[in-house]
PDB file of N, CA and C in Angstrom:
ATOM      1  N   MET A   1       0.846  -1.170   0.000  1.00  0.00           N
ATOM      2  CA  MET A   1       0.000   0.000   0.000  1.00  0.00           C
ATOM      3  C   MET A   1       0.900   1.245   0.000  1.00  0.00           C
ATOM      4  N   ASN A   2       0.705   2.093  -0.976  1.00  0.00           N
ATOM      5  CA  ASN A   2       1.544   3.284  -1.059  1.00  0.00           C
ATOM      6  C   ASN A   2       1.048   4.367  -0.085  1.00  0.00           C
ATOM      7  N   PRO A   3       1.876   5.367   0.195  1.00  0.00           N
ATOM      8  CA  PRO A   3       1.508   6.394   1.179  1.00  0.00           C
ATOM      9  C   PRO A   3       0.243   7.184   0.802  1.00  0.00           C
ATOM     10  N   LEU A   4      -0.003   7.369  -0.486  1.00  0.00           N
ATOM     11  CA  LEU A   4      -1.197   8.095  -0.905  1.00  0.00           C
ATOM     12  C   LEU A   4      -2.470   7.317  -0.560  1.00  0.00           C
ATOM     13  N   ASP A   5      -2.441   6.013  -0.775  1.00  0.00           N
ATOM     14  CA  ASP A   5      -3.574   5.178  -0.400  1.00  0.00           C
ATOM     15  C   ASP A   5      -3.776   5.158   1.110  1.00  0.00           C
ATOM     16  N   LEU A   6      -2.689   5.122   1.848  1.00  0.00           N
ATOM     17  CA  LEU A   6      -2.768   5.124   3.304  1.00  0.00           C
ATOM     18  C   LEU A   6      -3.368   6.438   3.813  1.00  0.00           C
ATOM     19  N   LEU A   7      -2.911   7.554   3.267  1.00  0.00           N
ATOM     20  CA  LEU A   7      -3.452   8.853   3.675  1.00  0.00           C
ATOM     21  C   LEU A   7      -4.929   8.964   3.309  1.00  0.00           C
ATOM     22  N   SER A   8      -5.285   8.477   2.155  1.00  0.00           N
ATOM     23  CA  SER A   8      -6.683   8.494   1.733  1.00  0.00           C
ATOM     24  C   SER A   8      -7.548   7.661   2.676  1.00  0.00           C
ATOM     25  N   SER A   9      -7.066   6.500   3.046  1.00  0.00           N
ATOM     26  CA  SER A   9      -7.810   5.635   3.965  1.00  0.00           C
ATOM     27  C   SER A   9      -7.943   6.271   5.345  1.00  0.00           C
ATOM     28  N   VAL A  10      -6.894   6.920   5.804  1.00  0.00           N
ATOM     29  CA  VAL A  10      -6.940   7.588   7.113  1.00  0.00           C
ATOM     30  C   VAL A  10      -7.953   8.728   7.093  1.00  0.00           C
ATOM     31  N   LEU A  11      -7.966   9.519   6.031  1.00  0.00           N
ATOM     32  CA  LEU A  11      -8.909  10.634   5.945  1.00  0.00           C
ATOM     33  C   LEU A  11     -10.357  10.152   5.868  1.00  0.00           C
ATOM     34  N   VAL A  12     -10.616   9.117   5.097  1.00  0.00           N
ATOM     35  CA  VAL A  12     -11.973   8.575   5.019  1.00  0.00           C
ATOM     36  C   VAL A  12     -12.372   7.968   6.365  1.00  0.00           C
ATOM     37  N   GLY A  13     -11.441   7.289   7.019  1.00  0.00           N
ATOM     38  CA  GLY A  13     -11.722   6.742   8.350  1.00  0.00           C
ATOM     39  C   GLY A  13     -11.999   7.828   9.371  1.00  0.00           C
ATOM     40  N   LEU A  14     -11.260   8.920   9.285  1.00  0.00           N
ATOM     41  CA  LEU A  14     -11.489  10.055  10.175  1.00  0.00           C
ATOM     42  C   LEU A  14     -12.865  10.668   9.922  1.00  0.00           C
ATOM     43  N   GLY A  15     -13.245  10.740   8.665  1.00  0.00           N
ATOM     44  CA  GLY A  15     -14.586  11.227   8.338  1.00  0.00           C
ATOM     45  C   GLY A  15     -15.659  10.332   8.921  1.00  0.00           C
ATOM     46  N   CYS A  16     -15.466   9.028   8.858  1.00  0.00           N
ATOM     47  CA  CYS A  16     -16.430   8.093   9.451  1.00  0.00           C
ATOM     48  C   CYS A  16     -16.502   8.262  10.963  1.00  0.00           C
ATOM     49  N   CYS A  17     -15.366   8.523  11.586  1.00  0.00           N
ATOM     50  CA  CYS A  17     -15.365   8.766  13.035  1.00  0.00           C
ATOM     51  C   CYS A  17     -16.174  10.015  13.376  1.00  0.00           C
ATOM     52  N   PHE A  18     -16.048  11.066  12.583  1.00  0.00           N
ATOM     53  CA  PHE A  18     -16.830  12.279  12.824  1.00  0.00           C
ATOM     54  C   PHE A  18     -18.320  12.003  12.662  1.00  0.00           C
ATOM     55  N   PHE A  19     -18.695  11.216  11.656  1.00  0.00           N
ATOM     56  CA  PHE A  19     -20.100  10.858  11.478  1.00  0.00           C
ATOM     57  C   PHE A  19     -20.609  10.070  12.686  1.00  0.00           C
ATOM     58  N   PHE A  20     -19.796   9.156  13.192  1.00  0.00           N
ATOM     59  CA  PHE A  20     -20.190   8.363  14.353  1.00  0.00           C
ATOM     60  C   PHE A  20     -20.380   9.240  15.583  1.00  0.00           C
ATOM     61  N   VAL A  21     -19.454  10.171  15.815  1.00  0.00           N
ATOM     62  CA  VAL A  21     -19.565  11.064  16.969  1.00  0.00           C
ATOM     63  C   VAL A  21     -20.804  11.953  16.842  1.00  0.00           C
ATOM     64  N   GLY A  22     -21.106  12.400  15.632  1.00  0.00           N
ATOM     65  CA  GLY A  22     -22.323  13.189  15.419  1.00  0.00           C
ATOM     66  C   GLY A  22     -23.579  12.396  15.709  1.00  0.00           C
ATOM     67  N   ALA A  23     -23.596  11.130  15.303  1.00  0.00           N
ATOM     68  CA  ALA A  23     -24.743  10.275  15.583  1.00  0.00           C
ATOM     69  C   ALA A  23     -24.863  10.017  17.083  1.00  0.00           C
ATOM     70  N   LEU A  24     -23.742   9.862  17.750  1.00  0.00           N
ATOM     71  CA  LEU A  24     -23.749   9.678  19.197  1.00  0.00           C
ATOM     72  C   LEU A  24     -24.282  10.935  19.899  1.00  0.00           C
ATOM     73  N   GLY A  25     -23.883  12.107  19.417  1.00  0.00           N
ATOM     74  CA  GLY A  25     -24.403  13.351  19.976  1.00  0.00           C
ATOM     75  C   GLY A  25     -25.892  13.502  19.743  1.00  0.00           C
ATOM     76  N   LEU A  26     -26.370  13.020  18.623  1.00  0.00           N
ATOM     77  CA  LEU A  26     -27.801  13.070  18.327  1.00  0.00           C
ATOM     78  C   LEU A  26     -28.594  12.250  19.341  1.00  0.00           C
ATOM     79  N   VAL A  27     -28.029  11.143  19.770  1.00  0.00           N
ATOM     80  CA  VAL A  27     -28.718  10.281  20.718  1.00  0.00           C
ATOM     81  C   VAL A  27     -28.556  10.780  22.163  1.00  0.00           C
ATOM     82  N   ARG A  28     -27.401  11.323  22.487  1.00  0.00           N
ATOM     83  CA  ARG A  28     -27.080  11.615  23.879  1.00  0.00           C
ATOM     84  C   ARG A  28     -27.461  13.010  24.378  1.00  0.00           C
ATOM     85  N   PHE A  29     -27.473  14.006  23.517  1.00  0.00           N
ATOM     86  CA  PHE A  29     -27.710  15.365  24.005  1.00  0.00           C
ATOM     87  C   PHE A  29     -29.169  15.579  24.368  1.00  0.00           C
ATOM     88  N   PRO A  30     -29.425  16.470  25.349  1.00  0.00           N
ATOM     89  CA  PRO A  30     -30.776  16.572  25.911  1.00  0.00           C
ATOM     90  C   PRO A  30     -31.790  17.368  25.091  1.00  0.00           C
ATOM     91  N   ASP A  31     -31.370  18.431  24.433  1.00  0.00           N
ATOM     92  CA  ASP A  31     -32.355  19.271  23.751  1.00  0.00           C
ATOM     93  C   ASP A  31     -32.053  19.380  22.257  1.00  0.00           C
ATOM     94  N   ALA A  32     -33.013  19.932  21.545  1.00  0.00           N
ATOM     95  CA  ALA A  32     -32.932  19.968  20.075  1.00  0.00           C
ATOM     96  C   ALA A  32     -31.761  20.813  19.579  1.00  0.00           C
ATOM     97  N   LEU A  33     -31.502  21.938  20.224  1.00  0.00           N
ATOM     98  CA  LEU A  33     -30.427  22.811  19.738  1.00  0.00           C
ATOM     99  C   LEU A  33     -29.048  22.178  19.937  1.00  0.00           C
ATOM    100  N   SER A  34     -28.854  21.494  21.053  1.00  0.00           N
ATOM    101  CA  SER A  34     -27.579  20.788  21.268  1.00  0.00           C
ATOM    102  C   SER A  34     -27.401  19.664  20.259  1.00  0.00           C
ATOM    103  N   ARG A  35     -28.467  18.929  20.005  1.00  0.00           N
ATOM    104  CA  ARG A  35     -28.408  17.847  19.029  1.00  0.00           C
ATOM    105  C   ARG A  35     -28.118  18.383  17.637  1.00  0.00           C
ATOM    106  N   LEU A  36     -28.777  19.472  17.308  1.00  0.00           N
ATOM    107  CA  LEU A  36     -28.589  20.088  15.999  1.00  0.00           C
ATOM    108  C   LEU A  36     -27.150  20.542  15.812  1.00  0.00           C
ATOM    109  N   ASN A  37     -26.568  21.141  16.841  1.00  0.00           N
ATOM    110  CA  ASN A  37     -25.187  21.601  16.771  1.00  0.00           C
ATOM    111  C   ASN A  37     -24.235  20.426  16.570  1.00  0.00           C
ATOM    112  N   ALA A  38     -24.448  19.355  17.323  1.00  0.00           N
ATOM    113  CA  ALA A  38     -23.564  18.190  17.205  1.00  0.00           C
ATOM    114  C   ALA A  38     -23.642  17.575  15.814  1.00  0.00           C
ATOM    115  N   VAL A  39     -24.850  17.426  15.312  1.00  0.00           N
ATOM    116  CA  VAL A  39     -25.012  16.777  14.013  1.00  0.00           C
ATOM    117  C   VAL A  39     -24.470  17.642  12.884  1.00  0.00           C
ATOM    118  N   SER A  40     -24.754  18.927  12.914  1.00  0.00           N
ATOM    119  CA  SER A  40     -24.322  19.783  11.803  1.00  0.00           C
ATOM    120  C   SER A  40     -22.802  19.925  11.760  1.00  0.00           C
ATOM    121  N   LYS A  41     -22.179  20.100  12.907  1.00  0.00           N
ATOM    122  CA  LYS A  41     -20.717  20.226  12.918  1.00  0.00           C
ATOM    123  C   LYS A  41     -20.046  18.918  12.508  1.00  0.00           C
ATOM    124  N   ALA A  42     -20.537  17.826  13.053  1.00  0.00           N
ATOM    125  CA  ALA A  42     -19.917  16.537  12.742  1.00  0.00           C
ATOM    126  C   ALA A  42     -20.147  16.141  11.289  1.00  0.00           C
ATOM    127  N   ALA A  43     -21.315  16.441  10.759  1.00  0.00           N
ATOM    128  CA  ALA A  43     -21.584  16.090   9.359  1.00  0.00           C
ATOM    129  C   ALA A  43     -20.720  16.921   8.415  1.00  0.00           C
ATOM    130  N   SER A  44     -20.557  18.192   8.714  1.00  0.00           N
ATOM    131  CA  SER A  44     -19.720  19.042   7.862  1.00  0.00           C
ATOM    132  C   SER A  44     -18.267  18.589   7.891  1.00  0.00           C
ATOM    133  N   ALA A  45     -17.748  18.361   9.086  1.00  0.00           N
ATOM    134  CA  ALA A  45     -16.353  17.915   9.198  1.00  0.00           C
ATOM    135  C   ALA A  45     -16.179  16.500   8.648  1.00  0.00           C
ATOM    136  N   GLY A  46     -17.135  15.634   8.932  1.00  0.00           N
ATOM    137  CA  GLY A  46     -17.039  14.254   8.451  1.00  0.00           C
ATOM    138  C   GLY A  46     -17.037  14.173   6.941  1.00  0.00           C
ATOM    139  N   LEU A  47     -17.941  14.911   6.317  1.00  0.00           N
ATOM    140  CA  LEU A  47     -17.967  14.897   4.854  1.00  0.00           C
ATOM    141  C   LEU A  47     -16.725  15.583   4.286  1.00  0.00           C
ATOM    142  N   GLY A  48     -16.232  16.607   4.969  1.00  0.00           N
ATOM    143  CA  GLY A  48     -15.010  17.270   4.510  1.00  0.00           C
ATOM    144  C   GLY A  48     -13.823  16.323   4.484  1.00  0.00           C
ATOM    145  N   PHE A  49     -13.632  15.576   5.567  1.00  0.00           N
ATOM    146  CA  PHE A  49     -12.525  14.615   5.589  1.00  0.00           C
ATOM    147  C   PHE A  49     -12.732  13.500   4.568  1.00  0.00           C
ATOM    148  N   THR A  50     -13.975  13.057   4.416  1.00  0.00           N
ATOM    149  CA  THR A  50     -14.254  12.003   3.441  1.00  0.00           C
ATOM    150  C   THR A  50     -13.969  12.489   2.026  1.00  0.00           C
ATOM    151  N   VAL A  51     -14.389  13.703   1.715  1.00  0.00           N
ATOM    152  CA  VAL A  51     -14.135  14.253   0.376  1.00  0.00           C
ATOM    153  C   VAL A  51     -12.629  14.437   0.150  1.00  0.00           C
ATOM    154  N   LEU A  52     -11.913  14.918   1.156  1.00  0.00           N
ATOM    155  CA  LEU A  52     -10.457  15.059   0.997  1.00  0.00           C
ATOM    156  C   LEU A  52      -9.800  13.709   0.730  1.00  0.00           C
ATOM    157  N   GLY A  53     -10.251  12.680   1.445  1.00  0.00           N
ATOM    158  CA  GLY A  53      -9.711  11.347   1.198  1.00  0.00           C
ATOM    159  C   GLY A  53     -10.027  10.838  -0.191  1.00  0.00           C
ATOM    160  N   LEU A  54     -11.237  11.131  -0.662  1.00  0.00           N
ATOM    161  CA  LEU A  54     -11.612  10.687  -2.009  1.00  0.00           C
ATOM    162  C   LEU A  54     -10.948  11.528  -3.097  1.00  0.00           C
ATOM    163  N   LEU A  55     -10.653  12.784  -2.800  1.00  0.00           N
ATOM    164  CA  LEU A  55      -9.952  13.624  -3.783  1.00  0.00           C
ATOM    165  C   LEU A  55      -8.575  13.061  -4.112  1.00  0.00           C
ATOM    166  N   LEU A  56      -7.935  12.463  -3.121  1.00  0.00           N
ATOM    167  CA  LEU A  56      -6.618  11.880  -3.366  1.00  0.00           C
ATOM    168  C   LEU A  56      -6.691  10.691  -4.316  1.00  0.00           C
ATOM    169  N   ARG A  57      -7.852  10.074  -4.413  1.00  0.00           N
ATOM    170  CA  ARG A  57      -8.017   8.902  -5.278  1.00  0.00           C
ATOM    171  C   ARG A  57      -8.782   9.216  -6.558  1.00  0.00           C
ATOM    172  N   ALA A  58      -9.139  10.486  -6.767  1.00  0.00           N
ATOM    173  CA  ALA A  58      -9.894  10.865  -7.967  1.00  0.00           C
ATOM    174  C   ALA A  58      -9.032  10.641  -9.207  1.00  0.00           C
ATOM    175  N   ASP A  59      -9.657  10.098 -10.236  1.00  0.00           N
ATOM    176  CA  ASP A  59      -8.905   9.768 -11.440  1.00  0.00           C
ATOM    177  C   ASP A  59      -8.860  10.912 -12.452  1.00  0.00           C
ATOM    178  N   SER A  60      -9.721  11.920 -12.274  1.00  0.00           N
ATOM    179  CA  SER A  60      -9.700  13.049 -13.201  1.00  0.00           C
ATOM    180  C   SER A  60     -10.081  14.333 -12.467  1.00  0.00           C
ATOM    181  N   VAL A  61      -9.817  15.423 -13.116  1.00  0.00           N
ATOM    182  CA  VAL A  61     -10.166  16.724 -12.545  1.00  0.00           C
ATOM    183  C   VAL A  61     -11.683  16.879 -12.468  1.00  0.00           C
ATOM    184  N   PHE A  62     -12.395  16.337 -13.452  1.00  0.00           N
ATOM    185  CA  PHE A  62     -13.851  16.423 -13.462  1.00  0.00           C
ATOM    186  C   PHE A  62     -14.453  15.700 -12.254  1.00  0.00           C
ATOM    187  N   THR A  63     -13.901  14.548 -11.914  1.00  0.00           N
ATOM    188  CA  THR A  63     -14.365  13.814 -10.734  1.00  0.00           C
ATOM    189  C   THR A  63     -14.086  14.603  -9.461  1.00  0.00           C
ATOM    190  N   ALA A  64     -12.918  15.212  -9.383  1.00  0.00           N
ATOM    191  CA  ALA A  64     -12.566  16.021  -8.218  1.00  0.00           C
ATOM    192  C   ALA A  64     -13.495  17.234  -8.096  1.00  0.00           C
ATOM    193  N   LEU A  65     -13.817  17.855  -9.205  1.00  0.00           N
ATOM    194  CA  LEU A  65     -14.736  19.003  -9.175  1.00  0.00           C
ATOM    195  C   LEU A  65     -16.142  18.580  -8.751  1.00  0.00           C
ATOM    196  N   LYS A  66     -16.565  17.406  -9.174  1.00  0.00           N
ATOM    197  CA  LYS A  66     -17.870  16.899  -8.741  1.00  0.00           C
ATOM    198  C   LYS A  66     -17.893  16.663  -7.236  1.00  0.00           C
ATOM    199  N   LEU A  67     -16.820  16.103  -6.700  1.00  0.00           N
ATOM    200  CA  LEU A  67     -16.744  15.887  -5.262  1.00  0.00           C
ATOM    201  C   LEU A  67     -16.794  17.211  -4.498  1.00  0.00           C
ATOM    202  N   LEU A  68     -16.051  18.193  -4.968  1.00  0.00           N
ATOM    203  CA  LEU A  68     -16.063  19.505  -4.315  1.00  0.00           C
ATOM    204  C   LEU A  68     -17.424  20.185  -4.431  1.00  0.00           C
ATOM    205  N   PHE A  69     -18.093  20.006  -5.552  1.00  0.00           N
ATOM    206  CA  PHE A  69     -19.423  20.569  -5.748  1.00  0.00           C
ATOM    207  C   PHE A  69     -20.423  19.934  -4.778  1.00  0.00           C
ATOM    208  N   ILE A  70     -20.352  18.626  -4.629  1.00  0.00           N
ATOM    209  CA  ILE A  70     -21.234  17.930  -3.691  1.00  0.00           C
ATOM    210  C   ILE A  70     -20.976  18.397  -2.266  1.00  0.00           C
ATOM    211  N   TRP A  71     -19.713  18.575  -1.906  1.00  0.00           N
ATOM    212  CA  TRP A  71     -19.378  19.048  -0.566  1.00  0.00           C
ATOM    213  C   TRP A  71     -19.929  20.461  -0.346  1.00  0.00           C
ATOM    214  N   GLY A  72     -19.808  21.322  -1.339  1.00  0.00           N
ATOM    215  CA  GLY A  72     -20.336  22.681  -1.223  1.00  0.00           C
ATOM    216  C   GLY A  72     -21.852  22.707  -1.078  1.00  0.00           C
ATOM    217  N   ILE A  73     -22.533  21.879  -1.861  1.00  0.00           N
ATOM    218  CA  ILE A  73     -23.997  21.807  -1.751  1.00  0.00           C
ATOM    219  C   ILE A  73     -24.380  21.315  -0.357  1.00  0.00           C
ATOM    220  N   MET A  74     -23.638  20.350   0.163  1.00  0.00           N
ATOM    221  CA  MET A  74     -23.952  19.829   1.486  1.00  0.00           C
ATOM    222  C   MET A  74     -23.740  20.876   2.561  1.00  0.00           C
ATOM    223  N   LEU A  75     -22.708  21.679   2.446  1.00  0.00           N
ATOM    224  CA  LEU A  75     -22.472  22.728   3.435  1.00  0.00           C
ATOM    225  C   LEU A  75     -23.607  23.745   3.440  1.00  0.00           C
ATOM    226  N   VAL A  76     -24.070  24.125   2.268  1.00  0.00           N
ATOM    227  CA  VAL A  76     -25.190  25.075   2.177  1.00  0.00           C
ATOM    228  C   VAL A  76     -26.470  24.445   2.716  1.00  0.00           C
ATOM    229  N   ALA A  77     -26.717  23.195   2.356  1.00  0.00           N
ATOM    230  CA  ALA A  77     -27.931  22.513   2.815  1.00  0.00           C
ATOM    231  C   ALA A  77     -27.905  22.309   4.331  1.00  0.00           C
ATOM    232  N   CYS A  78     -26.759  21.984   4.879  1.00  0.00           N
ATOM    233  CA  CYS A  78     -26.644  21.777   6.321  1.00  0.00           C
ATOM    234  C   CYS A  78     -26.886  23.081   7.076  1.00  0.00           C
ATOM    235  N   ALA A  79     -26.326  24.159   6.592  1.00  0.00           N
ATOM    236  CA  ALA A  79     -26.534  25.445   7.242  1.00  0.00           C
ATOM    237  C   ALA A  79     -27.988  25.890   7.154  1.00  0.00           C
ATOM    238  N   THR A  80     -28.593  25.705   6.004  1.00  0.00           N
ATOM    239  CA  THR A  80     -29.980  26.112   5.818  1.00  0.00           C
ATOM    240  C   THR A  80     -30.928  25.272   6.662  1.00  0.00           C
ATOM    241  N   SER A  81     -30.773  23.970   6.614  1.00  0.00           N
ATOM    242  CA  SER A  81     -31.660  23.110   7.396  1.00  0.00           C
ATOM    243  C   SER A  81     -31.429  23.296   8.891  1.00  0.00           C
ATOM    244  N   GLY A  82     -30.198  23.529   9.298  1.00  0.00           N
ATOM    245  CA  GLY A  82     -29.920  23.795  10.707  1.00  0.00           C
ATOM    246  C   GLY A  82     -30.603  25.055  11.196  1.00  0.00           C
ATOM    247  N   GLN A  83     -30.585  26.090  10.373  1.00  0.00           N
ATOM    248  CA  GLN A  83     -31.270  27.343  10.720  1.00  0.00           C
ATOM    249  C   GLN A  83     -32.771  27.120  10.838  1.00  0.00           C
ATOM    250  N   LEU A  84     -33.357  26.398   9.903  1.00  0.00           N
ATOM    251  CA  LEU A  84     -34.803  26.167   9.924  1.00  0.00           C
ATOM    252  C   LEU A  84     -35.227  25.291  11.102  1.00  0.00           C
ATOM    253  N   VAL A  85     -34.488  24.225  11.364  1.00  0.00           N
ATOM    254  CA  VAL A  85     -34.825  23.354  12.486  1.00  0.00           C
ATOM    255  C   VAL A  85     -34.608  24.075  13.812  1.00  0.00           C
ATOM    256  N   GLY A  86     -33.538  24.832  13.921  1.00  0.00           N
ATOM    257  CA  GLY A  86     -33.286  25.599  15.147  1.00  0.00           C
ATOM    258  C   GLY A  86     -34.358  26.636  15.407  1.00  0.00           C
ATOM    259  N   ARG A  87     -34.773  27.329  14.387  1.00  0.00           N
ATOM    260  CA  ARG A  87     -35.837  28.322  14.534  1.00  0.00           C
ATOM    261  C   ARG A  87     -37.142  27.660  14.955  1.00  0.00           C
ATOM    262  N   SER A  88     -37.439  26.515  14.373  1.00  0.00           N
ATOM    263  CA  SER A  88     -38.649  25.784  14.742  1.00  0.00           C
ATOM    264  C   SER A  88     -38.591  25.310  16.194  1.00  0.00           C
ATOM    265  N   ALA A  89     -37.422  24.839  16.629  1.00  0.00           N
ATOM    266  CA  ALA A  89     -37.274  24.380  18.010  1.00  0.00           C
ATOM    267  C   ALA A  89     -37.451  25.524  18.997  1.00  0.00           C
ATOM    268  N   VAL A  90     -36.928  26.692  18.670  1.00  0.00           N
ATOM    269  CA  VAL A  90     -37.075  27.846  19.551  1.00  0.00           C
ATOM    270  C   VAL A  90     -38.538  28.278  19.608  1.00  0.00           C
ATOM    271  N   ARG A  91     -39.237  28.252  18.486  1.00  0.00           N
ATOM    272  CA  ARG A  91     -40.664  28.625  18.478  1.00  0.00           C
ATOM    273  C   ARG A  91     -41.488  27.649  19.304  1.00  0.00           C
ATOM    274  N   GLU A  92     -41.205  26.363  19.178  1.00  0.00           N
ATOM    275  CA  GLU A  92     -41.934  25.363  19.968  1.00  0.00           C
ATOM    276  C   GLU A  92     -41.652  25.536  21.454  1.00  0.00           C
ATOM    277  N   GLU A  93     -40.428  25.892  21.801  1.00  0.00           N
ATOM    278  CA  GLU A  93     -40.071  26.103  23.206  1.00  0.00           C
ATOM    279  C   GLU A  93     -40.803  27.310  23.768  1.00  0.00           C
ATOM    280  N   ARG A  94     -40.955  28.339  22.980  1.00  0.00           N
ATOM    281  CA  ARG A  94     -41.681  29.532  23.437  1.00  0.00           C
ATOM    282  C   ARG A  94     -43.155  29.248  23.654  1.00  0.00           C
ATOM    283  N   ARG A  95     -43.698  28.330  22.869  1.00  0.00           N
ATOM    284  CA  ARG A  95     -45.110  27.971  23.028  1.00  0.00           C
ATOM    285  C   ARG A  95     -45.358  27.119  24.260  1.00  0.00           C
ATOM    286  N   GLY A  96     -44.283  26.550  24.797  1.00  0.00           N
ATOM    287  CA  GLY A  96     -44.414  25.730  25.991  1.00  0.00           C
ATOM    288  C   GLY A  96     -44.736  24.284  25.732  1.00  0.00           C
ATOM    289  N   ARG A  97     -44.374  23.794  24.583  1.00  0.00           N
ATOM    290  CA  ARG A  97     -44.653  22.382  24.270  1.00  0.00           C
ATOM    291  C   ARG A  97     -43.519  21.511  24.632  1.00  0.00           C
TER     292      ARG A  97
END
């Protein structure tokens, strides 16, 4: 196994660890905002490390650009959905539910 493959495997493994920690935070944290913070941060970092690991193994520039595009879309979607879910959680808390 060459060093590039090893680094790629380590980065993808690190991304999987971030996903696991985010899932653990989703189960363990007490309220919606804490859970949302854990999941959004871990998903962003986890996908970032996974994409970096896959970029090292990309066979063409077009494949690398597709990976970066997917990562960018995910970052925007995560931020947007986090804002919407957080706002909804705060509104429900104000209503006393």
